[in-house]
Amino acid sequence: MDILERHYGQRPLIYTTVDFFEDTELWRLDGVEFWLRAVADHPGEVYDGTGWRFWQYTSTGVVPGIAGKVDINVFGGSKAAWAGWIAAAGGLAARKAGDPPHIILFPEIPFERERFLARVKETVERKGYCVIVA
């Protein structure tokens, strides 16, 4: 985890299912934020009280304007904590040579068209493609 944090400049958030969490003993990791998948019960019940930043509570959600079933998740914190998390994560984009070619957009951060297009162009020129998460 420390190696990934040094490389990307941000500590990884680990997404996991109950089985993988138990099989790999992820509960032994300290200083890690988890994105826990628990569709049958609250994560506090199925992950033995492990703290979480995000909880995926369904993979069969319905969202107007999106065809098919979708994952639906919740953030584990206050509105102020959410704003802080977004502010810290809002700059995620491929900027260094080893970075993944991702640009993450948040509805809470004002969209700046010219800045966005410049970052997409820069990422495509460096990596050959760009993944946009919105």
Protein backbone atom coordinates (compact mmCIF):
# COMPACT_ATOMS: atom_id res chain seq x y z
CA MET A 1 0.00 0.00 0.00
CA ASP A 2 2.85 2.36 0.80
CA ILE A 3 4.44 1.72 -2.60
CA LEU A 4 1.16 2.56 -4.36
CA GLU A 5 0.72 5.70 -2.27
CA ARG A 6 4.24 6.89 -3.08
CA HIS A 7 3.73 6.22 -6.79
CA TYR A 8 0.26 7.75 -7.20
CA GLY A 9 0.42 10.34 -4.44
CA GLN A 10 -2.73 8.99 -2.83
CA ARG A 11 -3.44 5.99 -0.63
CA PRO A 12 -5.50 3.33 -2.46
CA LEU A 13 -9.12 2.66 -1.61
CA ILE A 14 -9.70 -1.11 -1.60
CA TYR A 15 -12.94 -2.47 -3.09
CA THR A 16 -13.74 -5.98 -1.91
CA THR A 17 -16.41 -8.62 -1.52
CA VAL A 18 -17.02 -10.49 1.73
CA ASP A 19 -15.40 -13.71 0.49
CA PHE A 20 -12.27 -12.00 -0.84
CA PHE A 21 -11.99 -9.91 2.34
CA GLU A 22 -12.00 -13.06 4.47
CA ASP A 23 -9.95 -15.30 2.15
CA THR A 24 -7.11 -12.78 1.85
CA GLU A 25 -7.38 -11.52 5.44
CA LEU A 26 -7.73 -7.91 4.36
CA TRP A 27 -8.99 -7.16 7.86
CA ARG A 28 -5.33 -7.31 8.93
CA LEU A 29 -4.42 -4.16 6.97
CA ASP A 30 -4.04 -0.96 8.98
CA GLY A 31 -4.62 2.54 7.64
CA VAL A 32 -6.72 1.40 4.69
CA GLU A 33 -10.03 2.75 3.44
CA PHE A 34 -12.43 0.11 2.23
CA TRP A 35 -15.21 0.10 -0.36
CA LEU A 36 -17.20 -2.87 0.85
CA ARG A 37 -19.71 -4.87 -1.18
CA ALA A 38 -22.46 -6.19 1.09
CA VAL A 39 -25.78 -6.70 -0.66
CA ALA A 40 -27.39 -9.08 1.85
CA ASP A 41 -26.84 -7.05 5.04
CA HIS A 42 -25.15 -3.95 6.47
CA PRO A 43 -21.34 -4.12 6.24
CA GLY A 44 -21.08 -3.82 10.01
CA GLU A 45 -22.76 -7.21 10.22
CA VAL A 46 -20.93 -9.09 7.47
CA TYR A 47 -17.46 -7.53 7.82
CA ASP A 48 -17.29 -7.86 11.61
CA GLY A 49 -17.31 -4.13 12.31
CA THR A 50 -14.62 -3.13 9.80
CA GLY A 51 -14.80 0.57 8.95
CA TRP A 52 -15.69 1.59 5.41
CA ARG A 53 -15.59 4.68 3.21
CA PHE A 54 -18.07 3.35 0.62
CA TRP A 55 -20.65 0.60 0.78
CA GLN A 56 -22.07 -1.04 -2.34
CA TYR A 57 -25.48 -2.16 -1.15
CA THR A 58 -26.92 -3.40 -4.44
CA SER A 59 -25.88 -4.43 -7.93
CA THR A 60 -29.44 -4.36 -9.23
CA GLY A 61 -30.26 -0.70 -8.72
CA VAL A 62 -32.35 1.37 -11.09
CA VAL A 63 -31.27 4.89 -12.04
CA PRO A 64 -33.41 7.06 -14.32
CA GLY A 65 -31.64 7.59 -17.65
CA ILE A 66 -29.43 4.51 -17.37
CA ALA A 67 -30.51 1.33 -19.15
CA GLY A 68 -30.15 -1.84 -17.11
CA LYS A 69 -29.23 -2.56 -13.53
CA VAL A 70 -26.48 -0.58 -11.81
CA ASP A 71 -24.42 -0.76 -8.64
CA ILE A 72 -25.54 1.71 -6.00
CA ASN A 73 -23.20 2.84 -3.26
CA VAL A 74 -23.23 5.14 -0.24
CA PHE A 75 -20.48 7.22 1.32
CA GLY A 76 -19.66 6.50 4.96
CA GLY A 77 -19.38 9.98 6.39
CA SER A 78 -20.93 13.38 6.88
CA LYS A 79 -21.68 15.94 4.17
CA ALA A 80 -18.53 17.82 5.23
CA ALA A 81 -16.47 14.61 5.04
CA TRP A 82 -17.87 13.98 1.54
CA ALA A 83 -16.86 17.48 0.45
CA GLY A 84 -13.36 16.87 1.82
CA TRP A 85 -13.08 13.50 0.11
CA ILE A 86 -14.16 15.00 -3.21
CA ALA A 87 -11.73 17.88 -2.86
CA ALA A 88 -8.88 15.43 -2.20
CA ALA A 89 -9.91 13.08 -5.04
CA GLY A 90 -11.02 15.74 -7.52
CA GLY A 91 -7.57 16.07 -9.01
CA LEU A 92 -7.29 12.40 -9.92
CA ALA A 93 -6.10 12.24 -13.48
CA ALA A 94 -3.13 10.95 -15.38
CA ARG A 95 -0.47 13.58 -14.76
CA LYS A 96 2.75 11.59 -14.29
CA ALA A 97 4.23 9.00 -16.64
CA GLY A 98 3.14 6.03 -14.52
CA ASP A 99 -0.36 7.25 -13.71
CA PRO A 100 -3.40 5.34 -14.99
CA PRO A 101 -5.21 7.21 -17.79
CA HIS A 102 -8.24 8.19 -15.68
CA ILE A 103 -10.08 11.45 -15.29
CA ILE A 104 -12.71 11.48 -12.55
CA LEU A 105 -15.55 13.99 -12.69
CA PHE A 106 -17.66 14.86 -9.66
CA PRO A 107 -20.97 16.73 -9.89
CA GLU A 108 -19.97 18.79 -6.85
CA ILE A 109 -16.95 20.25 -8.64
CA PRO A 110 -17.79 22.83 -11.32
CA PHE A 111 -17.10 21.52 -14.82
CA GLU A 112 -14.48 23.54 -16.68
CA ARG A 113 -14.78 22.55 -20.33
CA GLU A 114 -11.42 23.88 -21.53
CA ARG A 115 -9.50 22.40 -18.59
CA PHE A 116 -11.26 19.06 -19.08
CA LEU A 117 -10.51 18.94 -22.82
CA ALA A 118 -6.88 19.87 -22.22
CA ARG A 119 -6.48 17.05 -19.68
CA VAL A 120 -8.14 14.53 -21.99
CA LYS A 121 -5.85 15.58 -24.85
CA GLU A 122 -2.76 15.44 -22.62
CA THR A 123 -3.71 11.97 -21.35
CA VAL A 124 -4.45 10.58 -24.81
CA GLU A 125 -1.18 11.95 -26.18
CA ARG A 126 0.77 10.28 -23.34
CA LYS A 127 -1.18 7.00 -22.98
CA GLY A 128 -3.01 6.55 -26.27
CA TYR A 129 -6.41 6.54 -24.55
CA CYS A 130 -8.28 8.04 -21.60
CA VAL A 131 -10.92 6.62 -19.24
CA ILE A 132 -13.45 9.15 -17.98
CA VAL A 133 -15.37 8.32 -14.82
CA ALA A 134 -18.38 10.50 -14.21
